[in-house]
Amino acid sequence: MVTESSFPITLTLSGIRLGVLQLAPVALFFIPFGIAFGVVAATKGMTTVQSISFSLLAFSSSAQFSTLEFWHGAVAWGSLALAVVAINARNVVMGAALAPWVNRMPLVQRLPTVALLNDANFAVCQAAFKEGSNDMGILLGSGLILWSAWVLGAAVGALAGPFFGSPAALGFDVVMLCFLTAMVTGMVKRPLRLVPVIVGAVVAIFTLHHLPQGWNVIAGAFAGALAGSLSDA
């Protein structure tokens, strides 16, 4: 009997090239988001080196924007870490979905490949793997092009921040809000899927002035996750 595990997993240069080409159009839209992050980070007190290094190492637009709320005076590292974990918790689900393919790679190939996992290349690569592709180069290449575009944008924003002026004047301060709203709207296929979105938003807004700075985001994330699990039960 021929099963999914009967096919060998590969990681080729042609696969990396295919991944780059497939996600190159999407990568273009990562650049303005990166610029927005660089500009806002500068206004929050991050140095150019900190902003670019953060983007190089973290590569998580939503988490990076959220951590800027904690970047003031004495950084609340505990709150910051919890916020990042809560916001990136979806990566656990994406990793589990890709596990049948990714876990068959050698560890030395697996780690750099999944380090660049994000919403955009997950959707494309999972579809490709389900259709029979076993070349993990697609996942690595698509992640590389998106990461490069994000870092490029962040560097431009950090270096040229003063030339952009106030982020609010250019609308940069709402870029990520609009992006996340569009993502959430696209994921809501049934009315019931609105339950965790609404619960999370209500809790985050209600606790805004009742919790330390940034903790309302954590409370909203966990409340929304709990509501989502109960509504799907």
C-alpha atoms as a PDB file:
ATOM      1  CA  MET A   1       0.000   0.000   0.000  1.00  0.00           C
ATOM      2  CA  VAL A   2       1.345   3.433  -0.967  1.00  0.00           C
ATOM      3  CA  THR A   3       1.022   5.958   1.829  1.00  0.00           C
ATOM      4  CA  GLU A   4       2.017   9.573   2.371  1.00  0.00           C
ATOM      5  CA  SER A   5       5.154   8.459   4.229  1.00  0.00           C
ATOM      6  CA  SER A   6       6.214   6.289   1.270  1.00  0.00           C
ATOM      7  CA  PHE A   7       7.480   9.330  -0.597  1.00  0.00           C
ATOM      8  CA  PRO A   8      10.870  10.767   0.378  1.00  0.00           C
ATOM      9  CA  ILE A   9      11.089  14.331   1.642  1.00  0.00           C
ATOM     10  CA  THR A  10      13.539  16.537  -0.248  1.00  0.00           C
ATOM     11  CA  LEU A  11      14.919  20.050   0.025  1.00  0.00           C
ATOM     12  CA  THR A  12      16.223  21.264  -3.326  1.00  0.00           C
ATOM     13  CA  LEU A  13      17.422  24.519  -4.857  1.00  0.00           C
ATOM     14  CA  SER A  14      14.670  24.261  -7.469  1.00  0.00           C
ATOM     15  CA  GLY A  15      12.120  23.986  -4.660  1.00  0.00           C
ATOM     16  CA  ILE A  16      13.577  27.038  -2.920  1.00  0.00           C
ATOM     17  CA  ARG A  17      13.418  28.952  -6.206  1.00  0.00           C
ATOM     18  CA  LEU A  18       9.797  27.898  -6.721  1.00  0.00           C
ATOM     19  CA  GLY A  19       8.905  29.043  -3.203  1.00  0.00           C
ATOM     20  CA  VAL A  20      10.556  32.417  -3.807  1.00  0.00           C
ATOM     21  CA  LEU A  21       8.708  32.924  -7.104  1.00  0.00           C
ATOM     22  CA  GLN A  22       5.333  31.863  -5.703  1.00  0.00           C
ATOM     23  CA  LEU A  23       5.425  34.271  -2.761  1.00  0.00           C
ATOM     24  CA  ALA A  24       7.311  37.158  -4.414  1.00  0.00           C
ATOM     25  CA  PRO A  25       4.063  39.076  -5.183  1.00  0.00           C
ATOM     26  CA  VAL A  26       2.951  38.696  -1.561  1.00  0.00           C
ATOM     27  CA  ALA A  27       6.392  39.756  -0.347  1.00  0.00           C
ATOM     28  CA  LEU A  28       5.925  43.158  -2.001  1.00  0.00           C
ATOM     29  CA  PHE A  29       3.113  43.864   0.469  1.00  0.00           C
ATOM     30  CA  PHE A  30       5.372  42.962   3.395  1.00  0.00           C
ATOM     31  CA  ILE A  31       7.646  45.916   2.609  1.00  0.00           C
ATOM     32  CA  PRO A  32       5.196  48.715   3.582  1.00  0.00           C
ATOM     33  CA  PHE A  33       4.302  46.817   6.768  1.00  0.00           C
ATOM     34  CA  GLY A  34       8.008  46.601   7.568  1.00  0.00           C
ATOM     35  CA  ILE A  35       8.417  50.319   6.897  1.00  0.00           C
ATOM     36  CA  ALA A  36       5.502  51.022   9.219  1.00  0.00           C
ATOM     37  CA  PHE A  37       7.127  48.956  11.950  1.00  0.00           C
ATOM     38  CA  GLY A  38      10.484  50.722  11.529  1.00  0.00           C
ATOM     39  CA  VAL A  39       8.878  54.160  11.698  1.00  0.00           C
ATOM     40  CA  VAL A  40       6.688  53.388  14.708  1.00  0.00           C
ATOM     41  CA  ALA A  41       9.581  51.629  16.493  1.00  0.00           C
ATOM     42  CA  ALA A  42      11.683  54.786  16.101  1.00  0.00           C
ATOM     43  CA  THR A  43       8.935  56.889  17.681  1.00  0.00           C
ATOM     44  CA  LYS A  44       8.773  54.419  20.595  1.00  0.00           C
ATOM     45  CA  GLY A  45      12.458  54.870  21.344  1.00  0.00           C
ATOM     46  CA  MET A  46      14.014  51.888  19.573  1.00  0.00           C
ATOM     47  CA  THR A  47      17.381  52.528  17.998  1.00  0.00           C
ATOM     48  CA  THR A  48      17.992  51.660  14.359  1.00  0.00           C
ATOM     49  CA  VAL A  49      20.143  48.690  15.343  1.00  0.00           C
ATOM     50  CA  GLN A  50      17.503  47.400  17.776  1.00  0.00           C
ATOM     51  CA  SER A  51      14.711  47.733  15.245  1.00  0.00           C
ATOM     52  CA  ILE A  52      16.569  45.959  12.431  1.00  0.00           C
ATOM     53  CA  SER A  53      17.955  43.253  14.752  1.00  0.00           C
ATOM     54  CA  PHE A  54      14.474  42.655  16.145  1.00  0.00           C
ATOM     55  CA  SER A  55      13.103  42.138  12.642  1.00  0.00           C
ATOM     56  CA  LEU A  56      15.988  39.868  11.649  1.00  0.00           C
ATOM     57  CA  LEU A  57      15.530  37.599  14.652  1.00  0.00           C
ATOM     58  CA  ALA A  58      11.805  37.694  15.375  1.00  0.00           C
ATOM     59  CA  PHE A  59      10.022  37.954  11.984  1.00  0.00           C
ATOM     60  CA  SER A  60       6.549  38.267  13.468  1.00  0.00           C
ATOM     61  CA  SER A  61       4.808  41.431  12.371  1.00  0.00           C
ATOM     62  CA  SER A  62       1.819  41.222  14.716  1.00  0.00           C
ATOM     63  CA  ALA A  63       3.957  40.310  17.730  1.00  0.00           C
ATOM     64  CA  GLN A  64       6.546  42.975  16.916  1.00  0.00           C
ATOM     65  CA  PHE A  65       3.931  45.715  16.664  1.00  0.00           C
ATOM     66  CA  SER A  66       2.360  44.550  19.923  1.00  0.00           C
ATOM     67  CA  THR A  67       5.670  44.568  21.793  1.00  0.00           C
ATOM     68  CA  LEU A  68       6.108  48.248  20.960  1.00  0.00           C
ATOM     69  CA  GLU A  69       3.350  48.946  23.499  1.00  0.00           C
ATOM     70  CA  PHE A  70       5.695  47.619  26.183  1.00  0.00           C
ATOM     71  CA  TRP A  71       8.725  49.586  24.966  1.00  0.00           C
ATOM     72  CA  HIS A  72       8.707  52.454  27.418  1.00  0.00           C
ATOM     73  CA  GLY A  73      11.055  53.349  30.272  1.00  0.00           C
ATOM     74  CA  ALA A  74      11.667  50.134  32.172  1.00  0.00           C
ATOM     75  CA  VAL A  75      10.610  47.395  29.768  1.00  0.00           C
ATOM     76  CA  ALA A  76       8.116  44.953  31.294  1.00  0.00           C
ATOM     77  CA  TRP A  77       9.869  41.851  30.005  1.00  0.00           C
ATOM     78  CA  GLY A  78       7.434  39.395  31.582  1.00  0.00           C
ATOM     79  CA  SER A  79       4.401  41.066  30.043  1.00  0.00           C
ATOM     80  CA  LEU A  80       6.197  41.379  26.731  1.00  0.00           C
ATOM     81  CA  ALA A  81       7.059  37.663  26.663  1.00  0.00           C
ATOM     82  CA  LEU A  82       3.498  36.637  27.502  1.00  0.00           C
ATOM     83  CA  ALA A  83       2.109  38.878  24.775  1.00  0.00           C
ATOM     84  CA  VAL A  84       4.434  37.355  22.176  1.00  0.00           C
ATOM     85  CA  VAL A  85       3.514  33.813  23.256  1.00  0.00           C
ATOM     86  CA  ALA A  86      -0.210  34.573  23.125  1.00  0.00           C
ATOM     87  CA  ILE A  87      -0.061  36.268  19.732  1.00  0.00           C
ATOM     88  CA  ASN A  88       2.134  33.579  18.160  1.00  0.00           C
ATOM     89  CA  ALA A  89       0.237  30.648  19.654  1.00  0.00           C
ATOM     90  CA  ARG A  90      -1.249  29.994  16.205  1.00  0.00           C
ATOM     91  CA  ASN A  91       2.208  28.835  15.086  1.00  0.00           C
ATOM     92  CA  VAL A  92       1.722  25.716  17.206  1.00  0.00           C
ATOM     93  CA  VAL A  93      -1.352  24.831  15.155  1.00  0.00           C
ATOM     94  CA  MET A  94       0.395  25.581  11.856  1.00  0.00           C
ATOM     95  CA  GLY A  95       3.398  23.514  12.900  1.00  0.00           C
ATOM     96  CA  ALA A  96       1.167  20.591  13.843  1.00  0.00           C
ATOM     97  CA  ALA A  97      -0.567  20.771  10.453  1.00  0.00           C
ATOM     98  CA  LEU A  98       2.783  20.609   8.645  1.00  0.00           C
ATOM     99  CA  ALA A  99       4.284  17.998  10.985  1.00  0.00           C
ATOM    100  CA  PRO A 100       3.607  14.975   8.711  1.00  0.00           C
ATOM    101  CA  TRP A 101       6.008  16.472   6.164  1.00  0.00           C
ATOM    102  CA  VAL A 102       8.354  18.645   8.210  1.00  0.00           C
ATOM    103  CA  ASN A 103       9.125  16.024  10.884  1.00  0.00           C
ATOM    104  CA  ARG A 104      10.577  13.739   8.226  1.00  0.00           C
ATOM    105  CA  MET A 105      13.352  16.257   7.531  1.00  0.00           C
ATOM    106  CA  PRO A 106      16.763  16.107   9.246  1.00  0.00           C
ATOM    107  CA  LEU A 107      16.853  18.451  12.233  1.00  0.00           C
ATOM    108  CA  VAL A 108      19.552  20.618  10.650  1.00  0.00           C
ATOM    109  CA  GLN A 109      17.171  21.349   7.738  1.00  0.00           C
ATOM    110  CA  ARG A 110      13.986  21.446   9.768  1.00  0.00           C
ATOM    111  CA  LEU A 111      14.921  24.232  12.180  1.00  0.00           C
ATOM    112  CA  PRO A 112      15.802  26.984   9.651  1.00  0.00           C
ATOM    113  CA  THR A 113      12.797  26.021   7.528  1.00  0.00           C
ATOM    114  CA  VAL A 114      10.161  26.289  10.265  1.00  0.00           C
ATOM    115  CA  ALA A 115      11.850  29.379  11.744  1.00  0.00           C
ATOM    116  CA  LEU A 116      10.499  31.311   8.746  1.00  0.00           C
ATOM    117  CA  LEU A 117       6.976  29.894   8.974  1.00  0.00           C
ATOM    118  CA  ASN A 118       4.202  32.498   8.785  1.00  0.00           C
ATOM    119  CA  ASP A 119       0.558  32.734   7.797  1.00  0.00           C
ATOM    120  CA  ALA A 120       1.203  33.450   4.119  1.00  0.00           C
ATOM    121  CA  ASN A 121       3.640  30.658   3.287  1.00  0.00           C
ATOM    122  CA  PHE A 122       1.817  28.182   5.528  1.00  0.00           C
ATOM    123  CA  ALA A 123      -1.355  28.495   3.446  1.00  0.00           C
ATOM    124  CA  VAL A 124       0.512  28.095   0.145  1.00  0.00           C
ATOM    125  CA  CYS A 125       2.797  25.272   1.281  1.00  0.00           C
ATOM    126  CA  GLN A 126       0.173  23.192   3.025  1.00  0.00           C
ATOM    127  CA  ALA A 127      -1.870  23.194  -0.177  1.00  0.00           C
ATOM    128  CA  ALA A 128       1.198  22.201  -2.216  1.00  0.00           C
ATOM    129  CA  PHE A 129       2.105  19.359   0.148  1.00  0.00           C
ATOM    130  CA  LYS A 130      -1.454  18.037   0.170  1.00  0.00           C
ATOM    131  CA  GLU A 131      -1.354  17.987  -3.623  1.00  0.00           C
ATOM    132  CA  GLY A 132       1.664  15.699  -3.523  1.00  0.00           C
ATOM    133  CA  SER A 133       4.740  17.927  -3.374  1.00  0.00           C
ATOM    134  CA  ASN A 134       7.413  16.697  -0.964  1.00  0.00           C
ATOM    135  CA  ASP A 135      10.023  19.377  -1.633  1.00  0.00           C
ATOM    136  CA  MET A 136      10.498  21.381   1.566  1.00  0.00           C
ATOM    137  CA  GLY A 137      12.436  23.911  -0.475  1.00  0.00           C
ATOM    138  CA  ILE A 138       9.067  25.500  -1.251  1.00  0.00           C
ATOM    139  CA  LEU A 139       8.523  26.218   2.441  1.00  0.00           C
ATOM    140  CA  LEU A 140      12.068  27.489   2.939  1.00  0.00           C
ATOM    141  CA  GLY A 141      12.144  29.625  -0.207  1.00  0.00           C
ATOM    142  CA  SER A 142       8.768  31.223   0.423  1.00  0.00           C
ATOM    143  CA  GLY A 143       9.779  31.991   3.995  1.00  0.00           C
ATOM    144  CA  LEU A 144      13.077  33.515   2.878  1.00  0.00           C
ATOM    145  CA  ILE A 145      11.484  35.938   0.401  1.00  0.00           C
ATOM    146  CA  LEU A 146       8.865  37.089   2.910  1.00  0.00           C
ATOM    147  CA  TRP A 147      11.453  37.492   5.676  1.00  0.00           C
ATOM    148  CA  SER A 148      13.755  39.449   3.362  1.00  0.00           C
ATOM    149  CA  ALA A 149      10.954  41.802   2.347  1.00  0.00           C
ATOM    150  CA  TRP A 150       9.978  42.378   5.985  1.00  0.00           C
ATOM    151  CA  VAL A 151      13.556  43.117   7.069  1.00  0.00           C
ATOM    152  CA  LEU A 152      14.074  45.426   4.078  1.00  0.00           C
ATOM    153  CA  GLY A 153      10.956  47.398   4.966  1.00  0.00           C
ATOM    154  CA  ALA A 154      11.891  47.580   8.647  1.00  0.00           C
ATOM    155  CA  ALA A 155      15.383  48.822   7.760  1.00  0.00           C
ATOM    156  CA  VAL A 156      13.987  51.532   5.478  1.00  0.00           C
ATOM    157  CA  GLY A 157      11.525  52.626   8.151  1.00  0.00           C
ATOM    158  CA  ALA A 158      14.176  52.664  10.881  1.00  0.00           C
ATOM    159  CA  LEU A 159      16.767  54.529   8.812  1.00  0.00           C
ATOM    160  CA  ALA A 160      14.413  56.985   7.132  1.00  0.00           C
ATOM    161  CA  GLY A 161      11.958  57.381   9.989  1.00  0.00           C
ATOM    162  CA  PRO A 162      12.542  61.139  10.426  1.00  0.00           C
ATOM    163  CA  PHE A 163      11.804  61.717   6.731  1.00  0.00           C
ATOM    164  CA  PHE A 164       8.423  60.024   7.049  1.00  0.00           C
ATOM    165  CA  GLY A 165       7.427  62.356   9.879  1.00  0.00           C
ATOM    166  CA  SER A 166       4.637  61.361  12.222  1.00  0.00           C
ATOM    167  CA  PRO A 167       3.331  57.812  11.607  1.00  0.00           C
ATOM    168  CA  ALA A 168      -0.166  59.032  12.414  1.00  0.00           C
ATOM    169  CA  ALA A 169       0.013  61.696   9.691  1.00  0.00           C
ATOM    170  CA  LEU A 170       0.764  59.037   7.055  1.00  0.00           C
ATOM    171  CA  GLY A 171      -1.553  56.437   8.489  1.00  0.00           C
ATOM    172  CA  PHE A 172       1.337  54.082   9.352  1.00  0.00           C
ATOM    173  CA  ASP A 173      -0.020  53.667  12.872  1.00  0.00           C
ATOM    174  CA  VAL A 174      -3.118  51.875  11.561  1.00  0.00           C
ATOM    175  CA  VAL A 175      -1.483  49.749   8.859  1.00  0.00           C
ATOM    176  CA  MET A 176      -1.176  46.698  11.082  1.00  0.00           C
ATOM    177  CA  LEU A 177      -4.658  47.190  12.516  1.00  0.00           C
ATOM    178  CA  CYS A 178      -6.110  47.178   8.995  1.00  0.00           C
ATOM    179  CA  PHE A 179      -3.994  44.175   8.028  1.00  0.00           C
ATOM    180  CA  LEU A 180      -5.071  42.112  11.033  1.00  0.00           C
ATOM    181  CA  THR A 181      -8.701  43.132  10.555  1.00  0.00           C
ATOM    182  CA  ALA A 182      -8.545  41.950   6.942  1.00  0.00           C
ATOM    183  CA  MET A 183      -6.956  38.660   8.039  1.00  0.00           C
ATOM    184  CA  VAL A 184      -9.614  38.038  10.666  1.00  0.00           C
ATOM    185  CA  THR A 185     -12.409  38.919   8.244  1.00  0.00           C
ATOM    186  CA  GLY A 186     -11.003  36.517   5.669  1.00  0.00           C
ATOM    187  CA  MET A 187     -10.885  33.675   8.192  1.00  0.00           C
ATOM    188  CA  VAL A 188     -14.503  34.092   9.285  1.00  0.00           C
ATOM    189  CA  LYS A 189     -16.381  31.701   7.009  1.00  0.00           C
ATOM    190  CA  ARG A 190     -19.302  31.078   9.370  1.00  0.00           C
ATOM    191  CA  PRO A 191     -21.105  33.459  11.786  1.00  0.00           C
ATOM    192  CA  LEU A 192     -20.071  31.265  14.728  1.00  0.00           C
ATOM    193  CA  ARG A 193     -16.428  32.105  13.965  1.00  0.00           C
ATOM    194  CA  LEU A 194     -17.158  35.678  15.035  1.00  0.00           C
ATOM    195  CA  VAL A 195     -17.600  34.571  18.657  1.00  0.00           C
ATOM    196  CA  PRO A 196     -13.882  34.438  19.620  1.00  0.00           C
ATOM    197  CA  VAL A 197     -13.220  37.650  17.680  1.00  0.00           C
ATOM    198  CA  ILE A 198     -15.959  39.562  19.490  1.00  0.00           C
ATOM    199  CA  VAL A 199     -15.143  38.103  22.913  1.00  0.00           C
ATOM    200  CA  GLY A 200     -11.442  38.859  22.526  1.00  0.00           C
ATOM    201  CA  ALA A 201     -12.110  42.424  21.400  1.00  0.00           C
ATOM    202  CA  VAL A 202     -14.603  43.110  24.207  1.00  0.00           C
ATOM    203  CA  VAL A 203     -12.266  41.755  26.892  1.00  0.00           C
ATOM    204  CA  ALA A 204      -9.263  43.685  25.511  1.00  0.00           C
ATOM    205  CA  ILE A 205     -11.245  46.951  25.436  1.00  0.00           C
ATOM    206  CA  PHE A 206     -12.892  46.443  28.827  1.00  0.00           C
ATOM    207  CA  THR A 207      -9.601  45.631  30.585  1.00  0.00           C
ATOM    208  CA  LEU A 208      -7.628  48.416  28.856  1.00  0.00           C
ATOM    209  CA  HIS A 209      -7.787  50.733  31.879  1.00  0.00           C
ATOM    210  CA  HIS A 210      -7.940  48.004  34.518  1.00  0.00           C
ATOM    211  CA  LEU A 211      -4.728  46.100  33.778  1.00  0.00           C
ATOM    212  CA  PRO A 212      -1.061  47.100  33.425  1.00  0.00           C
ATOM    213  CA  GLN A 213      -0.104  48.386  29.984  1.00  0.00           C
ATOM    214  CA  GLY A 214      -0.279  45.649  27.350  1.00  0.00           C
ATOM    215  CA  TRP A 215      -1.935  43.056  29.564  1.00  0.00           C
ATOM    216  CA  ASN A 216      -5.326  43.781  28.021  1.00  0.00           C
ATOM    217  CA  VAL A 217      -3.967  42.286  24.781  1.00  0.00           C
ATOM    218  CA  ILE A 218      -3.000  39.108  26.629  1.00  0.00           C
ATOM    219  CA  ALA A 219      -6.378  38.930  28.381  1.00  0.00           C
ATOM    220  CA  GLY A 220      -8.215  39.412  25.087  1.00  0.00           C
ATOM    221  CA  ALA A 221      -6.112  36.760  23.324  1.00  0.00           C
ATOM    222  CA  PHE A 222      -6.734  34.115  25.975  1.00  0.00           C
ATOM    223  CA  ALA A 223     -10.428  35.006  26.318  1.00  0.00           C
ATOM    224  CA  GLY A 224     -10.894  34.758  22.559  1.00  0.00           C
ATOM    225  CA  ALA A 225      -9.076  31.409  22.442  1.00  0.00           C
ATOM    226  CA  LEU A 226     -11.247  30.043  25.264  1.00  0.00           C
ATOM    227  CA  ALA A 227     -14.432  31.300  23.584  1.00  0.00           C
ATOM    228  CA  GLY A 228     -13.333  29.735  20.311  1.00  0.00           C
ATOM    229  CA  SER A 229     -12.674  26.335  21.895  1.00  0.00           C
ATOM    230  CA  LEU A 230     -16.048  26.370  23.673  1.00  0.00           C
ATOM    231  CA  SER A 231     -17.969  27.451  20.569  1.00  0.00           C
ATOM    232  CA  ASP A 232     -16.411  24.621  18.542  1.00  0.00           C
ATOM    233  CA  ALA A 233     -17.025  22.040  21.234  1.00  0.00           C
END
